[in-house]
Amino acid sequence: MKSHSGKIYALIAAIVIWFALCLQFNLSLRLKNGNVISTLALFLSYFTVLTNILCGICLTSIVLFHGKSLGKFFSKSSTITAITIYILVVGLIYNVALRGLVQLKGWRIVADELLHVINPLLFLGLWVFFVEKSALKYQQTFNWLIYPLCYVVMTIIRGSVINEYPYPFINVVELGYPKALLNTFIIMIVFWLLSMLFVFIAKRLNHKN
């Protein structure tokens, strides 16, 4: 990403994302009565939080380290596309399957909307308007599945130890392994199909240009 306007957009989006994460952490800290370790353990168990952190790191790297290896990595079209897909799935799953399961009030509503709606849209805007898409390939979509797959594996391992799961669709205690794994497989398919769609759109746009 070389355009000046793109870096300004990335800066604004980074500020919004880090604000949302700090706000959510502060709210979670209150629920845990100020216990930082317990709050971090819960906070970092959510794919939503981890993916928003990934978005924040990506945008911050683009702005502050554009000439360094870290900035170059996060400026790659394949990297930004993969992260866009991750954060969009966060928004899709929350708004389709999880919205309304917990009644929120006050600042919790603000944090919730930022993490699950505003931030995904901000990152999608980055991809749409500022990312060079001509180098994207269908073969890359399989590599993009590594991050969500690693999250699922770690969540199942963690859950088997403490009998707690961050999301109801992967709760082995309530669903059992067959149903939880089936849900996971379906979500992986969603990731892959969305990835294929993004590459298809990129190729169509490149063809028109």
Protein backbone atom coordinates (compact mmCIF):
# COMPACT_ATOMS: atom_id res chain seq x y z
CA MET A 1 0.00 0.00 0.00
CA LYS A 2 1.79 3.08 -1.28
CA SER A 3 -0.89 5.76 -1.51
CA HIS A 4 -0.90 8.54 1.07
CA SER A 5 -4.68 8.34 1.40
CA GLY A 6 -4.41 4.62 2.08
CA LYS A 7 -2.05 5.22 4.99
CA ILE A 8 -4.34 7.91 6.42
CA TYR A 9 -7.26 5.49 6.18
CA ALA A 10 -5.17 2.77 7.86
CA LEU A 11 -4.25 5.18 10.67
CA ILE A 12 -7.87 6.12 11.35
CA ALA A 13 -8.99 2.49 11.22
CA ALA A 14 -6.15 1.46 13.55
CA ILE A 15 -7.20 4.07 16.11
CA VAL A 16 -10.80 2.86 16.04
CA ILE A 17 -9.80 -0.80 16.36
CA TRP A 18 -7.37 -0.27 19.23
CA PHE A 19 -9.95 1.90 21.01
CA ALA A 20 -12.52 -0.89 20.68
CA LEU A 21 -10.10 -3.46 22.05
CA CYS A 22 -9.05 -1.27 24.97
CA LEU A 23 -12.68 -0.54 25.77
CA GLN A 24 -13.62 -4.22 25.68
CA PHE A 25 -10.64 -5.17 27.84
CA ASN A 26 -11.55 -2.52 30.42
CA LEU A 27 -15.14 -3.78 30.54
CA SER A 28 -13.95 -7.38 30.87
CA LEU A 29 -11.54 -6.33 33.63
CA ARG A 30 -14.43 -4.91 35.63
CA LEU A 31 -16.35 -8.17 35.32
CA LYS A 32 -13.30 -10.00 36.68
CA ASN A 33 -12.95 -7.54 39.58
CA GLY A 34 -9.65 -6.18 38.32
CA ASN A 35 -7.92 -9.55 37.95
CA VAL A 36 -5.64 -8.91 34.96
CA ILE A 37 -4.46 -12.50 34.47
CA SER A 38 -7.98 -13.92 34.57
CA THR A 39 -9.20 -11.18 32.25
CA LEU A 40 -6.44 -11.80 29.72
CA ALA A 41 -7.13 -15.54 29.73
CA LEU A 42 -10.78 -14.92 28.92
CA PHE A 43 -10.14 -11.97 26.59
CA LEU A 44 -7.67 -13.85 24.40
CA SER A 45 -9.87 -16.93 24.14
CA TYR A 46 -12.20 -15.22 21.67
CA PHE A 47 -11.61 -15.36 17.92
CA THR A 48 -13.25 -11.93 17.73
CA VAL A 49 -10.64 -10.37 19.99
CA LEU A 50 -7.67 -12.17 18.44
CA THR A 51 -8.77 -11.19 14.94
CA ASN A 52 -9.36 -7.56 15.89
CA ILE A 53 -5.87 -7.55 17.44
CA LEU A 54 -4.53 -8.96 14.17
CA CYS A 55 -6.31 -6.17 12.29
CA GLY A 56 -4.82 -3.59 14.64
CA ILE A 57 -1.31 -4.99 14.24
CA CYS A 58 -1.70 -5.04 10.45
CA LEU A 59 -2.88 -1.44 10.23
CA THR A 60 -0.31 -0.18 12.72
CA SER A 61 2.47 -1.94 10.81
CA ILE A 62 1.31 -0.36 7.54
CA VAL A 63 1.41 3.10 9.11
CA LEU A 64 4.53 2.91 11.27
CA PHE A 65 6.72 0.26 9.63
CA HIS A 66 5.94 0.55 5.92
CA GLY A 67 9.65 0.43 5.01
CA LYS A 68 10.46 -2.48 7.32
CA SER A 69 9.91 -6.19 6.81
CA LEU A 70 6.94 -6.19 9.18
CA GLY A 71 5.24 -3.40 7.28
CA LYS A 72 5.97 -5.05 3.94
CA PHE A 73 4.45 -8.32 5.13
CA PHE A 74 1.24 -6.69 6.35
CA SER A 75 1.03 -4.54 3.22
CA LYS A 76 0.95 -7.60 0.93
CA SER A 77 -2.34 -8.07 -0.85
CA SER A 78 -2.54 -11.72 0.24
CA THR A 79 -2.02 -10.80 3.90
CA ILE A 80 -4.62 -8.04 3.89
CA THR A 81 -7.08 -10.21 1.98
CA ALA A 82 -6.73 -13.06 4.47
CA ILE A 83 -7.24 -10.74 7.45
CA THR A 84 -10.23 -9.14 5.71
CA ILE A 85 -11.82 -12.57 5.39
CA TYR A 86 -11.12 -13.40 9.05
CA ILE A 87 -12.72 -10.21 10.36
CA LEU A 88 -15.67 -10.49 7.98
CA VAL A 89 -16.39 -14.00 9.25
CA VAL A 90 -16.31 -12.54 12.77
CA GLY A 91 -19.02 -10.10 11.76
CA LEU A 92 -21.05 -12.66 9.81
CA ILE A 93 -21.12 -15.33 12.52
CA TYR A 94 -21.89 -12.83 15.25
CA ASN A 95 -24.71 -11.10 13.43
CA VAL A 96 -26.22 -14.32 12.04
CA ALA A 97 -25.82 -16.71 14.97
CA LEU A 98 -24.77 -14.92 18.16
CA ARG A 99 -26.42 -11.49 18.23
CA GLY A 100 -28.97 -11.20 21.02
CA LEU A 101 -27.77 -14.21 23.03
CA VAL A 102 -26.48 -11.82 25.71
CA GLN A 103 -28.26 -8.61 26.66
CA LEU A 104 -25.83 -5.70 26.68
CA LYS A 105 -26.04 -2.20 28.11
CA GLY A 106 -24.11 1.07 27.92
CA TRP A 107 -20.48 0.91 26.84
CA ARG A 108 -20.74 -2.85 26.29
CA ILE A 109 -23.04 -2.14 23.35
CA VAL A 110 -20.49 0.31 21.94
CA ALA A 111 -17.63 -2.18 22.25
CA ASP A 112 -19.77 -4.95 20.82
CA GLU A 113 -20.79 -2.98 17.73
CA LEU A 114 -17.26 -1.77 17.12
CA LEU A 115 -15.72 -5.24 17.32
CA HIS A 116 -18.40 -7.05 15.31
CA VAL A 117 -19.70 -4.44 12.84
CA ILE A 118 -17.66 -1.24 12.49
CA ASN A 119 -14.20 -2.81 12.51
CA PRO A 120 -15.07 -5.49 9.92
CA LEU A 121 -16.51 -2.79 7.66
CA LEU A 122 -13.45 -0.57 8.15
CA PHE A 123 -11.11 -3.39 7.17
CA LEU A 124 -13.28 -4.30 4.21
CA GLY A 125 -13.02 -0.66 3.10
CA LEU A 126 -9.24 -0.94 3.23
CA TRP A 127 -9.36 -3.98 0.93
CA VAL A 128 -11.88 -2.47 -1.49
CA PHE A 129 -10.27 0.93 -1.97
CA PHE A 130 -6.56 0.63 -1.21
CA VAL A 131 -5.31 -2.91 -1.91
CA GLU A 132 -3.70 -3.99 -5.17
CA LYS A 133 -5.52 -7.23 -5.98
CA SER A 134 -3.97 -8.43 -9.26
CA ALA A 135 -1.56 -10.89 -7.58
CA LEU A 136 -4.23 -12.85 -5.68
CA LYS A 137 -4.51 -16.54 -6.59
CA TYR A 138 -7.00 -19.30 -5.80
CA GLN A 139 -4.20 -21.50 -4.45
CA GLN A 140 -3.60 -19.00 -1.64
CA THR A 141 -7.04 -19.66 -0.15
CA PHE A 142 -5.86 -22.91 1.46
CA ASN A 143 -3.02 -21.13 3.27
CA TRP A 144 -5.53 -18.60 4.62
CA LEU A 145 -7.29 -21.42 6.49
CA ILE A 146 -4.27 -22.03 8.76
CA TYR A 147 -5.10 -19.23 11.21
CA PRO A 148 -8.75 -20.21 11.92
CA LEU A 149 -7.80 -23.90 11.99
CA CYS A 150 -5.08 -23.25 14.57
CA TYR A 151 -7.60 -21.29 16.64
CA VAL A 152 -10.06 -24.20 16.58
CA VAL A 153 -7.39 -26.72 17.61
CA MET A 154 -6.18 -24.53 20.48
CA THR A 155 -9.75 -23.87 21.62
CA ILE A 156 -10.59 -27.58 21.71
CA ILE A 157 -7.39 -28.36 23.62
CA ARG A 158 -8.05 -25.52 26.07
CA GLY A 159 -11.67 -26.56 26.48
CA SER A 160 -10.75 -30.18 27.18
CA VAL A 161 -8.59 -28.94 30.07
CA ILE A 162 -10.93 -26.37 31.67
CA ASN A 163 -14.33 -27.49 30.30
CA GLU A 164 -15.08 -23.99 29.02
CA TYR A 165 -15.58 -22.86 25.44
CA PRO A 166 -15.88 -19.26 24.16
CA TYR A 167 -18.63 -19.98 21.62
CA PRO A 168 -21.76 -22.17 21.85
CA PHE A 169 -21.27 -23.74 18.41
CA ILE A 170 -17.97 -25.28 19.50
CA ASN A 171 -18.98 -26.15 23.07
CA VAL A 172 -18.04 -29.83 23.28
CA VAL A 173 -19.51 -30.14 26.79
CA GLU A 174 -23.00 -29.30 25.56
CA LEU A 175 -22.86 -30.51 21.95
CA GLY A 176 -20.44 -33.41 22.06
CA TYR A 177 -17.47 -33.80 19.74
CA PRO A 178 -19.36 -34.91 16.59
CA LYS A 179 -21.68 -31.87 16.54
CA ALA A 180 -18.95 -29.41 17.57
CA LEU A 181 -16.58 -30.73 14.90
CA LEU A 182 -19.33 -30.62 12.28
CA ASN A 183 -19.99 -26.97 13.17
CA THR A 184 -16.26 -26.30 12.90
CA PHE A 185 -16.11 -27.97 9.48
CA ILE A 186 -19.01 -25.83 8.26
CA ILE A 187 -17.26 -22.68 9.47
CA MET A 188 -14.05 -23.72 7.69
CA ILE A 189 -16.09 -24.14 4.51
CA VAL A 190 -17.45 -20.62 5.01
CA PHE A 191 -13.90 -19.30 5.36
CA TRP A 192 -12.81 -21.08 2.20
CA LEU A 193 -15.82 -20.07 0.10
CA LEU A 194 -15.45 -16.45 1.17
CA SER A 195 -11.76 -16.64 0.29
CA MET A 196 -12.59 -18.00 -3.16
CA LEU A 197 -15.15 -15.24 -3.63
CA PHE A 198 -12.60 -12.55 -2.80
CA VAL A 199 -10.09 -13.95 -5.29
CA PHE A 200 -12.84 -14.21 -7.91
CA ILE A 201 -13.82 -10.56 -7.34
CA ALA A 202 -10.17 -9.51 -7.51
CA LYS A 203 -9.68 -11.30 -10.83
CA ARG A 204 -12.85 -9.79 -12.26
CA LEU A 205 -11.77 -6.30 -11.24
CA ASN A 206 -8.31 -6.88 -12.69
CA HIS A 207 -9.83 -8.16 -15.94
CA LYS A 208 -11.97 -5.03 -16.27
CA ASN A 209 -8.95 -2.82 -15.73
